[in-house]
């Protein structure tokens, strides 16, 4: 949770602190017009190049980026606990006893015991959809494992549109910085001729160069790490879904709840390992 703020602080101090140590003045970097051009072009191209679904997913990942990782050891523990509870209910009362819980999970007495699962919309939908699918008693010709794999692929593919789109904007930002710099050079050229004010010309050239600097800075020090962070979050979500799929596959094949939990536990990544005594 503290990694992101610390990283942002290091980037900020390195950039502005280094400039101050060089003898620079922070005011010489402050050119709002350059920011309007560069960030406006970046936002406009992102909005025009992506569907609205990607906009909302990007905002969701932005929230996760600053609030801390959504996938955690506690989430894995809750997921295994929820899956085991549903499996045991199915064993003791019959598979139809699951219907009221998967029909409205937000009001389910079982789901409400696992709030982290309820907050993870993709995970909750994956669990509900597949238990609902099994309730329909699909024919044996339908291979459930492939069905699970295809769903995970579709979810992963959809989420991956966010880093692809943000990464594209990061690639374009240096170019937007050049656009702002060229606009600054055009204004500088208007100062030439007659009684030239060397100070004003120097300020104008400096402002133009700041445009190039701003584009490169936002590309490599802001959007690039954000894009990589999203990719990490997506891989974590994929691993969580794969762990859930391994449990569901075992459950669908008649494995006992205890063994299904063990199968699922063994798919938990090492960094989120759930000890048996915590389950």
C-alpha atoms as a PDB file:
ATOM      1  CA  UNK A   1       0.000   0.000   0.000  1.00  0.00           C
ATOM      2  CA  UNK A   2       2.891   2.355   0.732  1.00  0.00           C
ATOM      3  CA  UNK A   3       4.977   1.356  -2.287  1.00  0.00           C
ATOM      4  CA  UNK A   4       3.165   3.652  -4.739  1.00  0.00           C
ATOM      5  CA  UNK A   5       3.336   6.854  -2.610  1.00  0.00           C
ATOM      6  CA  UNK A   6       7.002   6.180  -1.844  1.00  0.00           C
ATOM      7  CA  UNK A   7       7.763   5.634  -5.536  1.00  0.00           C
ATOM      8  CA  UNK A   8       5.949   8.826  -6.521  1.00  0.00           C
ATOM      9  CA  UNK A   9       7.820  10.751  -3.816  1.00  0.00           C
ATOM     10  CA  UNK A  10      11.185   9.442  -5.042  1.00  0.00           C
ATOM     11  CA  UNK A  11      10.364  10.398  -8.646  1.00  0.00           C
ATOM     12  CA  UNK A  12       9.229  13.887  -7.631  1.00  0.00           C
ATOM     13  CA  UNK A  13      12.206  14.575  -5.364  1.00  0.00           C
ATOM     14  CA  UNK A  14      14.663  13.222  -7.926  1.00  0.00           C
ATOM     15  CA  UNK A  15      13.284  15.380 -10.706  1.00  0.00           C
ATOM     16  CA  UNK A  16      12.676  18.675  -8.945  1.00  0.00           C
ATOM     17  CA  UNK A  17      15.419  18.221  -6.330  1.00  0.00           C
ATOM     18  CA  UNK A  18      17.996  17.446  -8.987  1.00  0.00           C
ATOM     19  CA  UNK A  19      16.965  20.522 -10.961  1.00  0.00           C
ATOM     20  CA  UNK A  20      17.310  22.710  -7.858  1.00  0.00           C
ATOM     21  CA  UNK A  21      20.757  21.246  -7.164  1.00  0.00           C
ATOM     22  CA  UNK A  22      21.752  22.255 -10.687  1.00  0.00           C
ATOM     23  CA  UNK A  23      20.929  25.819  -9.693  1.00  0.00           C
ATOM     24  CA  UNK A  24      17.611  26.003 -11.484  1.00  0.00           C
ATOM     25  CA  UNK A  25      14.455  27.770 -10.416  1.00  0.00           C
ATOM     26  CA  UNK A  26      11.191  25.819 -10.229  1.00  0.00           C
ATOM     27  CA  UNK A  27       9.372  28.801 -11.725  1.00  0.00           C
ATOM     28  CA  UNK A  28      11.243  28.244 -14.982  1.00  0.00           C
ATOM     29  CA  UNK A  29       9.501  24.842 -15.261  1.00  0.00           C
ATOM     30  CA  UNK A  30       6.038  26.268 -14.663  1.00  0.00           C
ATOM     31  CA  UNK A  31       4.336  26.887 -18.008  1.00  0.00           C
ATOM     32  CA  UNK A  32       0.601  26.099 -17.752  1.00  0.00           C
ATOM     33  CA  UNK A  33       0.058  26.615 -21.475  1.00  0.00           C
ATOM     34  CA  UNK A  34       2.488  23.774 -22.242  1.00  0.00           C
ATOM     35  CA  UNK A  35       0.620  21.489 -19.823  1.00  0.00           C
ATOM     36  CA  UNK A  36      -2.708  22.362 -21.455  1.00  0.00           C
ATOM     37  CA  UNK A  37      -1.379  21.428 -24.894  1.00  0.00           C
ATOM     38  CA  UNK A  38       0.386  18.226 -23.885  1.00  0.00           C
ATOM     39  CA  UNK A  39      -2.075  16.813 -21.342  1.00  0.00           C
ATOM     40  CA  UNK A  40      -5.056  17.967 -23.393  1.00  0.00           C
ATOM     41  CA  UNK A  41      -3.772  16.155 -26.469  1.00  0.00           C
ATOM     42  CA  UNK A  42      -3.015  13.066 -24.381  1.00  0.00           C
ATOM     43  CA  UNK A  43      -6.482  12.977 -22.828  1.00  0.00           C
ATOM     44  CA  UNK A  44      -8.213  13.759 -26.113  1.00  0.00           C
ATOM     45  CA  UNK A  45      -6.420  11.013 -28.030  1.00  0.00           C
ATOM     46  CA  UNK A  46      -7.119   8.503 -25.247  1.00  0.00           C
ATOM     47  CA  UNK A  47     -10.833   9.325 -25.236  1.00  0.00           C
ATOM     48  CA  UNK A  48     -11.111   9.267 -29.018  1.00  0.00           C
ATOM     49  CA  UNK A  49      -9.127   6.040 -29.434  1.00  0.00           C
ATOM     50  CA  UNK A  50     -10.868   3.896 -26.804  1.00  0.00           C
ATOM     51  CA  UNK A  51     -14.453   2.797 -26.067  1.00  0.00           C
ATOM     52  CA  UNK A  52     -16.183   4.027 -22.924  1.00  0.00           C
ATOM     53  CA  UNK A  53     -15.784   0.625 -21.257  1.00  0.00           C
ATOM     54  CA  UNK A  54     -12.012   1.139 -21.294  1.00  0.00           C
ATOM     55  CA  UNK A  55     -12.465   4.597 -19.760  1.00  0.00           C
ATOM     56  CA  UNK A  56     -14.266   3.137 -16.744  1.00  0.00           C
ATOM     57  CA  UNK A  57     -11.826   0.258 -16.364  1.00  0.00           C
ATOM     58  CA  UNK A  58      -8.942   2.746 -16.469  1.00  0.00           C
ATOM     59  CA  UNK A  59     -10.529   4.785 -13.677  1.00  0.00           C
ATOM     60  CA  UNK A  60     -10.951   1.575 -11.694  1.00  0.00           C
ATOM     61  CA  UNK A  61      -7.286   0.682 -12.093  1.00  0.00           C
ATOM     62  CA  UNK A  62      -6.333   4.253 -11.209  1.00  0.00           C
ATOM     63  CA  UNK A  63      -8.223   3.879  -7.935  1.00  0.00           C
ATOM     64  CA  UNK A  64      -6.501   0.564  -7.260  1.00  0.00           C
ATOM     65  CA  UNK A  65      -3.128   2.117  -8.083  1.00  0.00           C
ATOM     66  CA  UNK A  66      -3.441   4.705  -5.313  1.00  0.00           C
ATOM     67  CA  UNK A  67      -5.467   2.722  -2.775  1.00  0.00           C
ATOM     68  CA  UNK A  68      -3.319  -0.388  -2.805  1.00  0.00           C
ATOM     69  CA  UNK A  69      -3.493  -3.773  -4.483  1.00  0.00           C
ATOM     70  CA  UNK A  70      -6.929  -5.344  -4.772  1.00  0.00           C
ATOM     71  CA  UNK A  71      -5.542  -8.887  -4.730  1.00  0.00           C
ATOM     72  CA  UNK A  72      -4.143  -9.931  -1.355  1.00  0.00           C
ATOM     73  CA  UNK A  73      -3.581 -12.905   0.898  1.00  0.00           C
ATOM     74  CA  UNK A  74      -6.841 -12.067   2.690  1.00  0.00           C
ATOM     75  CA  UNK A  75      -8.736 -12.123  -0.601  1.00  0.00           C
ATOM     76  CA  UNK A  76      -7.345 -15.555  -1.452  1.00  0.00           C
ATOM     77  CA  UNK A  77      -8.289 -16.782   2.023  1.00  0.00           C
ATOM     78  CA  UNK A  78     -11.835 -15.432   1.672  1.00  0.00           C
ATOM     79  CA  UNK A  79     -12.204 -16.889  -1.814  1.00  0.00           C
ATOM     80  CA  UNK A  80     -11.219 -20.365  -0.636  1.00  0.00           C
ATOM     81  CA  UNK A  81     -13.532 -19.997   2.353  1.00  0.00           C
ATOM     82  CA  UNK A  82     -16.486 -18.957   0.179  1.00  0.00           C
ATOM     83  CA  UNK A  83     -15.936 -21.739  -2.336  1.00  0.00           C
ATOM     84  CA  UNK A  84     -15.674 -24.312   0.439  1.00  0.00           C
ATOM     85  CA  UNK A  85     -18.855 -23.018   2.110  1.00  0.00           C
ATOM     86  CA  UNK A  86     -20.789 -23.252  -1.163  1.00  0.00           C
ATOM     87  CA  UNK A  87     -19.416 -26.727  -1.875  1.00  0.00           C
ATOM     88  CA  UNK A  88     -20.326 -27.984   1.606  1.00  0.00           C
ATOM     89  CA  UNK A  89     -23.836 -26.574   1.307  1.00  0.00           C
ATOM     90  CA  UNK A  90     -24.213 -28.364  -2.008  1.00  0.00           C
ATOM     91  CA  UNK A  91     -23.045 -31.634  -0.451  1.00  0.00           C
ATOM     92  CA  UNK A  92     -25.284 -31.396   2.612  1.00  0.00           C
ATOM     93  CA  UNK A  93     -28.485 -29.919   1.121  1.00  0.00           C
ATOM     94  CA  UNK A  94     -28.215 -30.635  -2.579  1.00  0.00           C
ATOM     95  CA  UNK A  95     -27.018 -28.472  -5.450  1.00  0.00           C
ATOM     96  CA  UNK A  96     -30.343 -26.617  -5.703  1.00  0.00           C
ATOM     97  CA  UNK A  97     -29.686 -25.121  -2.251  1.00  0.00           C
ATOM     98  CA  UNK A  98     -27.094 -22.900  -3.950  1.00  0.00           C
ATOM     99  CA  UNK A  99     -29.652 -21.217  -6.178  1.00  0.00           C
ATOM    100  CA  UNK A 100     -30.755 -18.471  -3.778  1.00  0.00           C
ATOM    101  CA  UNK A 101     -27.117 -17.630  -3.009  1.00  0.00           C
ATOM    102  CA  UNK A 102     -25.900 -17.343  -6.599  1.00  0.00           C
ATOM    103  CA  UNK A 103     -29.070 -15.592  -7.772  1.00  0.00           C
ATOM    104  CA  UNK A 104     -28.542 -12.638  -5.420  1.00  0.00           C
ATOM    105  CA  UNK A 105     -25.038 -12.856  -3.897  1.00  0.00           C
ATOM    106  CA  UNK A 106     -25.205  -9.348  -2.387  1.00  0.00           C
ATOM    107  CA  UNK A 107     -28.007 -10.539  -0.079  1.00  0.00           C
ATOM    108  CA  UNK A 108     -26.674 -14.050   0.447  1.00  0.00           C
ATOM    109  CA  UNK A 109     -25.896 -15.016   4.044  1.00  0.00           C
ATOM    110  CA  UNK A 110     -22.879 -16.948   2.768  1.00  0.00           C
ATOM    111  CA  UNK A 111     -21.461 -14.301   0.428  1.00  0.00           C
ATOM    112  CA  UNK A 112     -21.891 -11.570   3.041  1.00  0.00           C
ATOM    113  CA  UNK A 113     -19.362 -13.370   5.239  1.00  0.00           C
ATOM    114  CA  UNK A 114     -16.726 -12.701   2.572  1.00  0.00           C
ATOM    115  CA  UNK A 115     -16.814  -8.927   1.862  1.00  0.00           C
ATOM    116  CA  UNK A 116     -13.528  -8.848  -0.077  1.00  0.00           C
ATOM    117  CA  UNK A 117     -14.968 -11.272  -2.637  1.00  0.00           C
ATOM    118  CA  UNK A 118     -18.087  -9.146  -2.990  1.00  0.00           C
ATOM    119  CA  UNK A 119     -15.945  -6.070  -3.668  1.00  0.00           C
ATOM    120  CA  UNK A 120     -14.027  -7.821  -6.451  1.00  0.00           C
ATOM    121  CA  UNK A 121     -16.649  -7.623  -9.208  1.00  0.00           C
ATOM    122  CA  UNK A 122     -14.877  -9.825 -11.746  1.00  0.00           C
ATOM    123  CA  UNK A 123     -14.248 -12.560  -9.179  1.00  0.00           C
ATOM    124  CA  UNK A 124     -17.788 -12.425  -7.799  1.00  0.00           C
ATOM    125  CA  UNK A 125     -19.274 -12.632 -11.294  1.00  0.00           C
ATOM    126  CA  UNK A 126     -16.968 -15.525 -12.202  1.00  0.00           C
ATOM    127  CA  UNK A 127     -18.037 -17.542  -9.147  1.00  0.00           C
ATOM    128  CA  UNK A 128     -21.745 -16.761  -9.535  1.00  0.00           C
ATOM    129  CA  UNK A 129     -21.830 -17.411 -13.271  1.00  0.00           C
ATOM    130  CA  UNK A 130     -20.132 -20.792 -13.014  1.00  0.00           C
ATOM    131  CA  UNK A 131     -22.125 -22.078 -10.078  1.00  0.00           C
ATOM    132  CA  UNK A 132     -25.240 -20.949 -11.978  1.00  0.00           C
ATOM    133  CA  UNK A 133     -23.970 -22.833 -15.020  1.00  0.00           C
ATOM    134  CA  UNK A 134     -23.517 -26.016 -12.978  1.00  0.00           C
ATOM    135  CA  UNK A 135     -27.001 -25.598 -11.511  1.00  0.00           C
ATOM    136  CA  UNK A 136     -28.384 -25.952 -15.047  1.00  0.00           C
ATOM    137  CA  UNK A 137     -26.892 -29.467 -15.151  1.00  0.00           C
ATOM    138  CA  UNK A 138     -24.927 -29.128 -18.414  1.00  0.00           C
ATOM    139  CA  UNK A 139     -24.546 -32.281 -20.528  1.00  0.00           C
ATOM    140  CA  UNK A 140     -21.380 -34.343 -20.124  1.00  0.00           C
ATOM    141  CA  UNK A 141     -20.357 -33.400 -23.662  1.00  0.00           C
ATOM    142  CA  UNK A 142     -19.683 -29.873 -22.436  1.00  0.00           C
ATOM    143  CA  UNK A 143     -16.100 -29.711 -21.174  1.00  0.00           C
ATOM    144  CA  UNK A 144     -16.280 -27.482 -18.088  1.00  0.00           C
ATOM    145  CA  UNK A 145     -12.504 -26.952 -17.884  1.00  0.00           C
ATOM    146  CA  UNK A 146     -12.443 -25.421 -21.373  1.00  0.00           C
ATOM    147  CA  UNK A 147     -15.468 -23.318 -20.498  1.00  0.00           C
ATOM    148  CA  UNK A 148     -13.582 -21.896 -17.485  1.00  0.00           C
ATOM    149  CA  UNK A 149     -10.427 -21.282 -19.506  1.00  0.00           C
ATOM    150  CA  UNK A 150     -12.366 -19.412 -22.184  1.00  0.00           C
ATOM    151  CA  UNK A 151     -14.005 -17.163 -19.598  1.00  0.00           C
ATOM    152  CA  UNK A 152     -10.663 -16.318 -17.994  1.00  0.00           C
ATOM    153  CA  UNK A 153      -9.207 -15.547 -21.410  1.00  0.00           C
ATOM    154  CA  UNK A 154     -12.129 -13.216 -22.220  1.00  0.00           C
ATOM    155  CA  UNK A 155     -11.820 -11.400 -18.875  1.00  0.00           C
ATOM    156  CA  UNK A 156      -8.035 -11.103 -19.218  1.00  0.00           C
ATOM    157  CA  UNK A 157      -8.345  -9.881 -22.796  1.00  0.00           C
ATOM    158  CA  UNK A 158     -10.882  -7.245 -21.776  1.00  0.00           C
ATOM    159  CA  UNK A 159      -8.761  -5.970 -18.880  1.00  0.00           C
ATOM    160  CA  UNK A 160      -5.637  -5.910 -21.047  1.00  0.00           C
ATOM    161  CA  UNK A 161      -7.185  -3.209 -23.223  1.00  0.00           C
ATOM    162  CA  UNK A 162      -6.396  -0.720 -20.439  1.00  0.00           C
ATOM    163  CA  UNK A 163      -2.573  -1.058 -20.380  1.00  0.00           C
ATOM    164  CA  UNK A 164      -2.576  -1.277 -24.184  1.00  0.00           C
ATOM    165  CA  UNK A 165      -4.448   2.034 -24.451  1.00  0.00           C
ATOM    166  CA  UNK A 166      -2.514   3.814 -21.706  1.00  0.00           C
ATOM    167  CA  UNK A 167       0.751   2.482 -23.130  1.00  0.00           C
ATOM    168  CA  UNK A 168      -0.133   3.918 -26.536  1.00  0.00           C
ATOM    169  CA  UNK A 169      -0.686   7.347 -24.991  1.00  0.00           C
ATOM    170  CA  UNK A 170       2.683   7.044 -23.218  1.00  0.00           C
ATOM    171  CA  UNK A 171       4.286   6.344 -26.608  1.00  0.00           C
ATOM    172  CA  UNK A 172       2.633   9.433 -28.069  1.00  0.00           C
ATOM    173  CA  UNK A 173       3.453  11.849 -25.227  1.00  0.00           C
ATOM    174  CA  UNK A 174       7.003  12.721 -26.376  1.00  0.00           C
ATOM    175  CA  UNK A 175       5.464  13.674 -29.728  1.00  0.00           C
ATOM    176  CA  UNK A 176       2.915  15.878 -27.973  1.00  0.00           C
ATOM    177  CA  UNK A 177       5.833  17.493 -26.138  1.00  0.00           C
ATOM    178  CA  UNK A 178       7.424  18.280 -29.490  1.00  0.00           C
ATOM    179  CA  UNK A 179       4.141  19.800 -30.679  1.00  0.00           C
ATOM    180  CA  UNK A 180       4.120  22.099 -27.642  1.00  0.00           C
ATOM    181  CA  UNK A 181       7.802  22.924 -28.256  1.00  0.00           C
ATOM    182  CA  UNK A 182       7.140  23.810 -31.893  1.00  0.00           C
ATOM    183  CA  UNK A 183       4.295  26.092 -30.837  1.00  0.00           C
ATOM    184  CA  UNK A 184       6.746  27.772 -28.435  1.00  0.00           C
ATOM    185  CA  UNK A 185       9.317  28.189 -31.205  1.00  0.00           C
ATOM    186  CA  UNK A 186       6.684  29.826 -33.411  1.00  0.00           C
ATOM    187  CA  UNK A 187       6.005  32.348 -30.662  1.00  0.00           C
ATOM    188  CA  UNK A 188       9.747  32.874 -30.226  1.00  0.00           C
ATOM    189  CA  UNK A 189      10.165  33.674 -33.919  1.00  0.00           C
ATOM    190  CA  UNK A 190       7.662  36.503 -33.521  1.00  0.00           C
ATOM    191  CA  UNK A 191      10.044  38.133 -31.055  1.00  0.00           C
ATOM    192  CA  UNK A 192      12.866  38.333 -33.583  1.00  0.00           C
ATOM    193  CA  UNK A 193      13.529  41.519 -35.503  1.00  0.00           C
ATOM    194  CA  UNK A 194      13.625  45.158 -34.523  1.00  0.00           C
ATOM    195  CA  UNK A 195      14.636  45.868 -30.955  1.00  0.00           C
ATOM    196  CA  UNK A 196      14.934  42.288 -29.818  1.00  0.00           C
ATOM    197  CA  UNK A 197      14.472  41.646 -26.109  1.00  0.00           C
ATOM    198  CA  UNK A 198      17.059  38.966 -25.379  1.00  0.00           C
ATOM    199  CA  UNK A 199      15.463  38.142 -22.021  1.00  0.00           C
ATOM    200  CA  UNK A 200      12.057  37.525 -23.577  1.00  0.00           C
ATOM    201  CA  UNK A 201      13.563  35.417 -26.352  1.00  0.00           C
ATOM    202  CA  UNK A 202      15.470  33.351 -23.810  1.00  0.00           C
ATOM    203  CA  UNK A 203      12.298  32.821 -21.745  1.00  0.00           C
ATOM    204  CA  UNK A 204      10.355  31.800 -24.844  1.00  0.00           C
ATOM    205  CA  UNK A 205      13.012  29.287 -25.915  1.00  0.00           C
ATOM    206  CA  UNK A 206      13.114  27.907 -22.379  1.00  0.00           C
ATOM    207  CA  UNK A 207       9.341  27.484 -22.381  1.00  0.00           C
ATOM    208  CA  UNK A 208       9.533  25.618 -25.694  1.00  0.00           C
ATOM    209  CA  UNK A 209      12.162  23.247 -24.313  1.00  0.00           C
ATOM    210  CA  UNK A 210      10.025  22.647 -21.225  1.00  0.00           C
ATOM    211  CA  UNK A 211       7.331  21.371 -23.578  1.00  0.00           C
ATOM    212  CA  UNK A 212       9.623  18.622 -24.856  1.00  0.00           C
ATOM    213  CA  UNK A 213      10.769  17.860 -21.311  1.00  0.00           C
ATOM    214  CA  UNK A 214       7.182  17.642 -20.029  1.00  0.00           C
ATOM    215  CA  UNK A 215       6.146  15.185 -22.720  1.00  0.00           C
ATOM    216  CA  UNK A 216       9.105  12.903 -22.036  1.00  0.00           C
ATOM    217  CA  UNK A 217       8.650  13.152 -18.261  1.00  0.00           C
ATOM    218  CA  UNK A 218       4.969  12.214 -18.300  1.00  0.00           C
ATOM    219  CA  UNK A 219       5.641   9.394 -20.767  1.00  0.00           C
ATOM    220  CA  UNK A 220       8.452   7.670 -18.881  1.00  0.00           C
ATOM    221  CA  UNK A 221       8.028   8.763 -15.251  1.00  0.00           C
ATOM    222  CA  UNK A 222       4.229   8.799 -14.970  1.00  0.00           C
ATOM    223  CA  UNK A 223       2.382   6.701 -17.555  1.00  0.00           C
ATOM    224  CA  UNK A 224       5.041   4.015 -18.100  1.00  0.00           C
ATOM    225  CA  UNK A 225       5.146   2.895 -14.424  1.00  0.00           C
ATOM    226  CA  UNK A 226       1.348   3.202 -14.204  1.00  0.00           C
ATOM    227  CA  UNK A 227       0.980   0.969 -17.269  1.00  0.00           C
ATOM    228  CA  UNK A 228       3.328  -1.637 -15.828  1.00  0.00           C
ATOM    229  CA  UNK A 229       1.474  -1.529 -12.515  1.00  0.00           C
ATOM    230  CA  UNK A 230      -1.807  -2.236 -14.327  1.00  0.00           C
ATOM    231  CA  UNK A 231      -0.211  -5.212 -16.078  1.00  0.00           C
ATOM    232  CA  UNK A 232       0.863  -6.594 -12.694  1.00  0.00           C
ATOM    233  CA  UNK A 233      -2.646  -6.128 -11.279  1.00  0.00           C
ATOM    234  CA  UNK A 234      -4.164  -7.899 -14.272  1.00  0.00           C
ATOM    235  CA  UNK A 235      -1.789 -10.850 -13.896  1.00  0.00           C
ATOM    236  CA  UNK A 236      -2.743 -11.047 -10.214  1.00  0.00           C
ATOM    237  CA  UNK A 237      -6.438 -11.034 -11.110  1.00  0.00           C
ATOM    238  CA  UNK A 238      -5.820 -13.771 -13.679  1.00  0.00           C
ATOM    239  CA  UNK A 239      -4.040 -15.944 -11.103  1.00  0.00           C
ATOM    240  CA  UNK A 240      -6.943 -15.458  -8.681  1.00  0.00           C
ATOM    241  CA  UNK A 241      -9.436 -16.547 -11.334  1.00  0.00           C
ATOM    242  CA  UNK A 242      -7.289 -19.556 -12.258  1.00  0.00           C
ATOM    243  CA  UNK A 243      -7.184 -20.641  -8.626  1.00  0.00           C
ATOM    244  CA  UNK A 244     -10.975 -20.324  -8.459  1.00  0.00           C
ATOM    245  CA  UNK A 245     -11.314 -22.270 -11.715  1.00  0.00           C
ATOM    246  CA  UNK A 246      -9.219 -25.129 -10.335  1.00  0.00           C
ATOM    247  CA  UNK A 247     -11.581 -25.391  -7.348  1.00  0.00           C
ATOM    248  CA  UNK A 248     -14.685 -25.227  -9.553  1.00  0.00           C
ATOM    249  CA  UNK A 249     -13.314 -27.892 -11.866  1.00  0.00           C
ATOM    250  CA  UNK A 250     -12.623 -30.201  -8.918  1.00  0.00           C
ATOM    251  CA  UNK A 251     -16.081 -29.492  -7.468  1.00  0.00           C
ATOM    252  CA  UNK A 252     -17.759 -30.248 -10.808  1.00  0.00           C
ATOM    253  CA  UNK A 253     -15.948 -33.591 -10.944  1.00  0.00           C
ATOM    254  CA  UNK A 254     -17.270 -34.685  -7.544  1.00  0.00           C
ATOM    255  CA  UNK A 255     -14.166 -34.044  -5.458  1.00  0.00           C
ATOM    256  CA  UNK A 256     -14.759 -33.553  -1.712  1.00  0.00           C
ATOM    257  CA  UNK A 257     -14.757 -29.942  -0.415  1.00  0.00           C
ATOM    258  CA  UNK A 258     -11.556 -30.574   1.581  1.00  0.00           C
ATOM    259  CA  UNK A 259      -9.664 -31.862  -1.433  1.00  0.00           C
ATOM    260  CA  UNK A 260     -11.089 -29.136  -3.683  1.00  0.00           C
ATOM    261  CA  UNK A 261      -9.780 -26.522  -1.229  1.00  0.00           C
ATOM    262  CA  UNK A 262      -6.368 -28.187  -1.258  1.00  0.00           C
ATOM    263  CA  UNK A 263      -6.347 -28.201  -5.051  1.00  0.00           C
ATOM    264  CA  UNK A 264      -7.240 -24.521  -5.058  1.00  0.00           C
ATOM    265  CA  UNK A 265      -4.693 -23.690  -2.359  1.00  0.00           C
ATOM    266  CA  UNK A 266      -1.907 -25.189  -4.423  1.00  0.00           C
ATOM    267  CA  UNK A 267      -2.701 -22.715  -7.216  1.00  0.00           C
ATOM    268  CA  UNK A 268      -2.217 -19.717  -4.913  1.00  0.00           C
ATOM    269  CA  UNK A 269       0.924 -17.743  -5.942  1.00  0.00           C
ATOM    270  CA  UNK A 270       3.815 -17.901  -3.430  1.00  0.00           C
ATOM    271  CA  UNK A 271       3.498 -14.228  -2.490  1.00  0.00           C
ATOM    272  CA  UNK A 272      -0.100 -14.831  -1.331  1.00  0.00           C
ATOM    273  CA  UNK A 273       0.358 -18.315   0.134  1.00  0.00           C
ATOM    274  CA  UNK A 274      -2.497 -19.316   2.448  1.00  0.00           C
ATOM    275  CA  UNK A 275      -1.346 -21.606   5.291  1.00  0.00           C
ATOM    276  CA  UNK A 276      -3.691 -24.473   6.006  1.00  0.00           C
ATOM    277  CA  UNK A 277      -4.350 -23.397   9.585  1.00  0.00           C
ATOM    278  CA  UNK A 278      -5.856 -20.122   8.342  1.00  0.00           C
ATOM    279  CA  UNK A 279      -8.495 -21.764   6.226  1.00  0.00           C
END
